[in-house]
């Protein structure tokens, strides 16, 4: 079962498998003869690929804390010179156009207009409900989908359906690493036996407002670190959909949703989000502690950066760390 999940993961995690399209652009160049144009990967929607020299066209869903950061990086162009923002879907119409959305960018609250726009990859930063409602449509069009709301994939049926659609229509289902460090090492290690793997995630008490913890604890009055959840990754990501996406990401990349043990802590003594991951297996041991900077009460600053990195990998002729 674990090996089957890992095979599926090659469709999910862009930084972990040489067989994926992140590797394809370089492979296409290597397979071309000197003086000949690089080979092109067929696309169901006829859009450009990294090897054609055309810019990767991004359709962004959500302009909250994560989405606006990614949009600004795309607009500035320094970190993503081979990608551009083509369309942005927002929840409600905006009276003023943000500076990072130039006039050539479609800014809309109309789902139909967004899907009619000319983009290659959909970047989801809008939450699990949007994924459940619209992810199938992205993949049926032969387009690629980059996901940050990984907790949605605790639904095995949805995850397997999207993988099948990606395979059938030639798109790609990609999961951003988000705030999960060392995922490349741990996913590689999980190709062999893993004896133990745990995740502890800490946020300030206000970061757990609006979660089931609010009904069990007086978050505003906490003076000491308090465990608000302990269980497997599937339960953590299901009960805390806006807080524990990294639990689902790590589980899907290693031992599965029902084996990774997760502990969530409300800690008033810290200034930003913290994570500690331990893995012990045949390939070795790893013990990581990350003290992240907060982008918002619930989100680490590294999350939009991981999206930027994924887009750079998708559009660049050379990818490091696949």
Protein backbone atom coordinates (compact mmCIF):
# COMPACT_ATOMS: atom_id res chain seq x y z
CA UNK A 1 0.00 0.00 0.00
CA UNK A 2 2.83 2.39 0.88
CA UNK A 3 4.60 1.70 -2.42
CA UNK A 4 1.34 2.38 -4.28
CA UNK A 5 0.99 5.71 -2.50
CA UNK A 6 4.57 6.58 -3.40
CA UNK A 7 3.94 5.78 -7.04
CA UNK A 8 0.92 8.07 -6.96
CA UNK A 9 3.11 10.72 -5.36
CA UNK A 10 5.14 11.02 -8.54
CA UNK A 11 2.09 12.73 -9.98
CA UNK A 12 1.76 14.91 -6.91
CA UNK A 13 5.12 16.26 -5.80
CA UNK A 14 7.02 18.19 -8.45
CA UNK A 15 10.35 18.18 -6.65
CA UNK A 16 10.65 14.48 -5.96
CA UNK A 17 10.62 12.49 -9.18
CA UNK A 18 12.80 12.69 -12.26
CA UNK A 19 9.95 11.21 -14.25
CA UNK A 20 7.78 14.30 -13.80
CA UNK A 21 7.41 17.30 -16.01
CA UNK A 22 9.80 19.33 -13.90
CA UNK A 23 12.42 17.04 -15.34
CA UNK A 24 10.87 17.03 -18.80
CA UNK A 25 12.09 20.42 -20.06
CA UNK A 26 15.72 19.51 -19.44
CA UNK A 27 15.17 16.04 -20.86
CA UNK A 28 13.65 17.52 -23.99
CA UNK A 29 16.70 19.73 -24.49
CA UNK A 30 19.12 16.83 -23.94
CA UNK A 31 17.28 14.67 -26.47
CA UNK A 32 17.47 17.32 -29.19
CA UNK A 33 20.29 17.18 -31.70
CA UNK A 34 22.71 20.13 -31.97
CA UNK A 35 21.23 22.87 -34.06
CA UNK A 36 17.70 21.49 -33.84
CA UNK A 37 14.89 23.13 -31.86
CA UNK A 38 14.13 21.43 -28.53
CA UNK A 39 11.49 18.75 -28.49
CA UNK A 40 8.11 19.85 -27.24
CA UNK A 41 5.93 17.94 -24.86
CA UNK A 42 2.43 17.56 -26.31
CA UNK A 43 -0.21 19.46 -24.34
CA UNK A 44 -3.94 18.96 -24.43
CA UNK A 45 -4.51 22.74 -24.34
CA UNK A 46 -1.76 23.65 -26.78
CA UNK A 47 -0.07 25.96 -24.26
CA UNK A 48 3.65 26.71 -24.08
CA UNK A 49 6.16 24.62 -22.18
CA UNK A 50 9.39 25.67 -20.50
CA UNK A 51 11.47 24.41 -23.41
CA UNK A 52 9.72 26.50 -26.08
CA UNK A 53 11.00 29.78 -24.70
CA UNK A 54 7.47 31.06 -24.03
CA UNK A 55 6.63 32.24 -20.55
CA UNK A 56 4.63 29.96 -18.27
CA UNK A 57 1.17 31.50 -17.93
CA UNK A 58 -0.18 31.38 -14.40
CA UNK A 59 -3.83 31.40 -13.36
CA UNK A 60 -3.96 32.34 -9.68
CA UNK A 61 -6.94 31.43 -7.50
CA UNK A 62 -7.05 33.71 -4.46
CA UNK A 63 -5.40 37.03 -3.67
CA UNK A 64 -5.14 36.75 0.09
CA UNK A 65 -1.86 36.77 2.00
CA UNK A 66 -0.33 33.95 -0.06
CA UNK A 67 -1.82 34.86 -3.42
CA UNK A 68 -0.90 38.54 -3.28
CA UNK A 69 2.70 37.65 -2.39
CA UNK A 70 2.96 35.28 -5.36
CA UNK A 71 1.32 37.84 -7.66
CA UNK A 72 3.80 40.51 -6.59
CA UNK A 73 6.75 38.21 -7.35
CA UNK A 74 5.30 37.39 -10.78
CA UNK A 75 4.76 41.09 -11.47
CA UNK A 76 8.29 42.05 -10.43
CA UNK A 77 9.75 39.28 -12.60
CA UNK A 78 13.19 38.93 -11.05
CA UNK A 79 12.65 35.55 -9.40
CA UNK A 80 10.31 34.27 -12.11
CA UNK A 81 11.62 35.64 -15.41
CA UNK A 82 10.04 32.81 -17.40
CA UNK A 83 6.55 33.03 -15.89
CA UNK A 84 3.83 35.66 -15.90
CA UNK A 85 0.46 36.18 -14.24
CA UNK A 86 -2.27 35.72 -16.84
CA UNK A 87 -5.40 35.66 -14.67
CA UNK A 88 -6.43 36.00 -11.03
CA UNK A 89 -9.71 34.75 -9.60
CA UNK A 90 -10.99 36.54 -6.50
CA UNK A 91 -13.97 35.87 -4.27
CA UNK A 92 -15.57 39.29 -4.76
CA UNK A 93 -15.13 42.02 -7.41
CA UNK A 94 -12.57 44.68 -6.46
CA UNK A 95 -13.12 48.39 -6.86
CA UNK A 96 -9.43 49.02 -7.42
CA UNK A 97 -6.93 46.91 -9.33
CA UNK A 98 -3.86 45.99 -7.22
CA UNK A 99 -0.58 47.40 -8.49
CA UNK A 100 0.75 43.89 -9.07
CA UNK A 101 -2.10 43.11 -11.50
CA UNK A 102 -1.29 44.98 -14.71
CA UNK A 103 -4.00 45.74 -17.25
CA UNK A 104 -3.07 42.67 -19.29
CA UNK A 105 -3.95 40.43 -16.32
CA UNK A 106 -7.54 39.22 -16.14
CA UNK A 107 -8.78 40.08 -12.63
CA UNK A 108 -12.20 38.55 -12.12
CA UNK A 109 -14.65 37.08 -9.65
CA UNK A 110 -16.31 35.13 -12.49
CA UNK A 111 -15.26 31.48 -12.51
CA UNK A 112 -16.29 31.04 -16.15
CA UNK A 113 -14.19 34.01 -17.25
CA UNK A 114 -11.23 32.64 -15.31
CA UNK A 115 -11.42 29.23 -16.98
CA UNK A 116 -11.79 30.88 -20.39
CA UNK A 117 -8.55 32.81 -19.87
CA UNK A 118 -5.28 31.74 -21.46
CA UNK A 119 -3.20 30.13 -18.69
CA UNK A 120 -1.18 26.93 -18.37
CA UNK A 121 -1.05 26.22 -14.64
CA UNK A 122 -3.65 26.96 -11.97
CA UNK A 123 -2.16 27.93 -8.61
CA UNK A 124 -4.66 27.25 -5.82
CA UNK A 125 -4.31 29.42 -2.72
CA UNK A 126 -8.02 29.72 -1.99
CA UNK A 127 -8.76 26.82 0.35
CA UNK A 128 -10.20 23.33 0.27
CA UNK A 129 -13.76 24.19 -0.86
CA UNK A 130 -12.51 25.63 -4.16
CA UNK A 131 -10.45 22.51 -4.76
CA UNK A 132 -13.39 20.22 -4.17
CA UNK A 133 -15.60 22.25 -6.53
CA UNK A 134 -13.25 23.13 -9.40
CA UNK A 135 -10.06 21.03 -9.38
CA UNK A 136 -11.51 18.41 -11.72
CA UNK A 137 -12.26 21.06 -14.34
CA UNK A 138 -8.64 22.24 -14.35
CA UNK A 139 -7.29 18.76 -15.02
CA UNK A 140 -9.97 17.80 -17.55
CA UNK A 141 -8.76 20.74 -19.65
CA UNK A 142 -5.27 19.21 -19.75
CA UNK A 143 -3.95 21.99 -17.56
CA UNK A 144 -1.79 21.64 -14.47
CA UNK A 145 -2.89 22.31 -10.90
CA UNK A 146 -0.53 23.44 -8.14
CA UNK A 147 -2.11 22.92 -4.72
CA UNK A 148 -1.44 24.54 -1.33
CA UNK A 149 -4.61 23.36 0.49
CA UNK A 150 -3.23 19.84 0.75
CA UNK A 151 -5.61 18.87 3.55
CA UNK A 152 -8.29 18.34 0.91
CA UNK A 153 -6.44 15.17 -0.07
CA UNK A 154 -7.36 13.44 3.15
CA UNK A 155 -10.34 12.54 0.96
CA UNK A 156 -8.88 9.48 -0.76
CA UNK A 157 -11.60 9.43 -3.40
CA UNK A 158 -10.92 13.02 -4.48
CA UNK A 159 -7.16 12.50 -4.53
CA UNK A 160 -7.34 9.33 -6.60
CA UNK A 161 -9.85 10.87 -8.99
CA UNK A 162 -7.61 13.88 -9.62
CA UNK A 163 -4.58 11.67 -10.20
CA UNK A 164 -6.57 9.66 -12.74
CA UNK A 165 -7.73 12.85 -14.51
CA UNK A 166 -4.19 14.19 -14.68
CA UNK A 167 -3.02 10.96 -16.25
CA UNK A 168 -5.92 10.75 -18.67
CA UNK A 169 -5.88 14.34 -19.96
CA UNK A 170 -2.16 15.08 -19.78
CA UNK A 171 -2.21 17.66 -17.01
CA UNK A 172 -0.25 17.52 -13.79
CA UNK A 173 -1.35 17.51 -10.16
CA UNK A 174 1.37 19.21 -8.11
CA UNK A 175 1.62 19.69 -4.35
CA UNK A 176 3.70 22.57 -3.05
CA UNK A 177 6.00 21.69 -0.15
CA UNK A 178 4.63 24.70 1.72
CA UNK A 179 6.00 24.99 5.24
CA UNK A 180 7.28 21.39 5.31
CA UNK A 181 11.11 21.31 5.44
CA UNK A 182 13.27 18.46 4.22
CA UNK A 183 10.51 16.84 2.19
CA UNK A 184 12.92 15.77 -0.54
CA UNK A 185 15.10 13.82 1.94
CA UNK A 186 12.18 12.27 3.79
CA UNK A 187 10.28 11.23 0.66
CA UNK A 188 13.45 9.62 -0.65
CA UNK A 189 14.00 7.83 2.68
CA UNK A 190 10.41 6.56 2.60
CA UNK A 191 11.19 4.53 -0.50
CA UNK A 192 12.68 2.10 2.04
CA UNK A 193 11.41 1.06 5.46
CA UNK A 194 10.50 3.85 7.91
CA UNK A 195 10.35 2.78 11.53
CA UNK A 196 9.14 6.03 13.07
CA UNK A 197 7.97 9.44 11.87
CA UNK A 198 6.38 12.25 13.91
CA UNK A 199 5.39 15.89 13.43
CA UNK A 200 4.90 18.51 16.11
CA UNK A 201 3.45 21.84 14.99
CA UNK A 202 3.33 24.90 17.27
CA UNK A 203 1.55 28.21 16.73
CA UNK A 204 0.61 31.06 18.99
CA UNK A 205 -2.88 30.66 20.59
CA UNK A 206 -4.44 33.24 18.24
CA UNK A 207 -3.33 31.07 15.34
CA UNK A 208 -5.80 28.39 16.47
CA UNK A 209 -8.81 30.70 16.66
CA UNK A 210 -11.66 29.36 14.55
CA UNK A 211 -10.56 25.74 15.00
CA UNK A 212 -11.96 22.95 17.21
CA UNK A 213 -9.41 23.99 19.84
CA UNK A 214 -11.51 27.08 20.55
CA UNK A 215 -14.32 24.92 21.93
CA UNK A 216 -12.00 23.01 24.27
CA UNK A 217 -9.61 25.71 25.50
CA UNK A 218 -9.69 29.37 26.46
CA UNK A 219 -7.02 30.27 23.93
CA UNK A 220 -6.77 33.91 24.98
CA UNK A 221 -5.93 32.91 28.56
CA UNK A 222 -3.24 30.31 27.88
CA UNK A 223 0.01 30.98 29.72
CA UNK A 224 1.87 27.77 28.90
CA UNK A 225 2.24 25.52 25.84
CA UNK A 226 -0.91 23.40 25.53
CA UNK A 227 -1.48 20.36 23.32
CA UNK A 228 -4.73 20.88 21.43
CA UNK A 229 -4.60 17.77 19.24
CA UNK A 230 -2.77 14.46 19.10
CA UNK A 231 -3.48 11.81 16.48
CA UNK A 232 -2.79 10.74 12.89
CA UNK A 233 -2.27 13.12 9.99
CA UNK A 234 -5.63 12.39 8.38
CA UNK A 235 -7.47 13.56 11.50
CA UNK A 236 -5.21 16.58 11.98
CA UNK A 237 -5.62 17.87 8.43
CA UNK A 238 -9.37 17.18 8.46
CA UNK A 239 -10.11 18.88 11.77
CA UNK A 240 -7.67 21.77 11.23
CA UNK A 241 -7.94 22.42 7.46
CA UNK A 242 -6.35 25.89 7.56
CA UNK A 243 -3.62 25.03 10.04
CA UNK A 244 -2.32 21.54 9.42
CA UNK A 245 -1.77 21.26 5.67
CA UNK A 246 1.86 20.33 6.28
CA UNK A 247 0.71 17.20 8.12
CA UNK A 248 -1.07 16.01 4.97
CA UNK A 249 1.90 16.98 2.79
CA UNK A 250 4.40 15.06 4.91
CA UNK A 251 2.11 12.04 5.20
CA UNK A 252 1.43 11.83 1.46
CA UNK A 253 5.13 12.17 0.78
CA UNK A 254 6.20 9.44 3.19
CA UNK A 255 4.21 6.82 5.12
CA UNK A 256 0.58 7.73 4.47
CA UNK A 257 -2.17 9.68 6.20
CA UNK A 258 -2.97 7.01 8.78
CA UNK A 259 0.55 6.35 10.00
CA UNK A 260 2.14 9.77 10.52
CA UNK A 261 1.60 10.86 14.13
CA UNK A 262 0.86 14.56 14.66
CA UNK A 263 0.84 16.79 17.72
CA UNK A 264 -0.56 20.35 17.54
CA UNK A 265 0.36 22.85 20.25
CA UNK A 266 -0.86 26.33 21.18
CA UNK A 267 2.21 28.06 22.56
CA UNK A 268 2.03 31.67 23.83
CA UNK A 269 5.81 31.79 24.34
CA UNK A 270 6.77 31.72 20.65
CA UNK A 271 6.79 34.61 18.19
CA UNK A 272 6.05 32.62 15.04
CA UNK A 273 5.14 29.13 13.82
CA UNK A 274 7.39 26.22 14.76
CA UNK A 275 7.60 22.66 13.46
CA UNK A 276 9.64 19.67 14.56
CA UNK A 277 9.87 16.55 12.44
CA UNK A 278 11.59 13.27 13.28
CA UNK A 279 12.07 10.34 10.94
CA UNK A 280 13.99 7.15 11.58
CA UNK A 281 14.33 4.41 8.99
CA UNK A 282 16.61 2.21 6.94
CA UNK A 283 18.00 5.20 5.01
CA UNK A 284 18.97 7.04 8.20
CA UNK A 285 17.58 9.51 10.73
CA UNK A 286 16.56 13.13 10.51
CA UNK A 287 15.48 15.55 13.23
CA UNK A 288 14.44 19.02 12.04
CA UNK A 289 13.22 22.02 13.99
CA UNK A 290 12.03 25.06 12.09
CA UNK A 291 11.26 28.46 13.60
CA UNK A 292 9.36 30.18 10.84
CA UNK A 293 8.34 33.76 10.30
CA UNK A 294 4.60 34.38 10.22
CA UNK A 295 2.89 35.76 7.11
CA UNK A 296 -0.44 35.80 8.95
CA UNK A 297 -1.84 34.24 12.12
CA UNK A 298 -2.26 30.88 10.38
CA UNK A 299 0.31 30.97 7.58
CA UNK A 300 4.11 30.78 7.52
CA UNK A 301 6.00 33.20 5.30
CA UNK A 302 7.71 30.25 3.61
CA UNK A 303 4.42 29.03 2.05
CA UNK A 304 4.22 31.60 -0.79
CA UNK A 305 7.96 31.20 -1.30
CA UNK A 306 7.44 27.47 -1.86
CA UNK A 307 4.86 28.33 -4.54
CA UNK A 308 7.34 30.70 -6.18
CA UNK A 309 9.98 27.97 -6.11
CA UNK A 310 7.59 25.46 -7.68
CA UNK A 311 6.74 27.93 -10.48
CA UNK A 312 10.43 28.58 -11.04
CA UNK A 313 11.05 24.83 -11.32
CA UNK A 314 8.19 24.46 -13.78
CA UNK A 315 9.42 27.28 -16.03
CA UNK A 316 13.21 26.96 -15.77
CA UNK A 317 15.46 25.05 -18.19
CA UNK A 318 17.52 23.79 -15.23
CA UNK A 319 16.08 22.42 -11.98
CA UNK A 320 18.17 21.72 -8.90
CA UNK A 321 17.11 19.20 -6.25
CA UNK A 322 14.61 17.08 -8.16
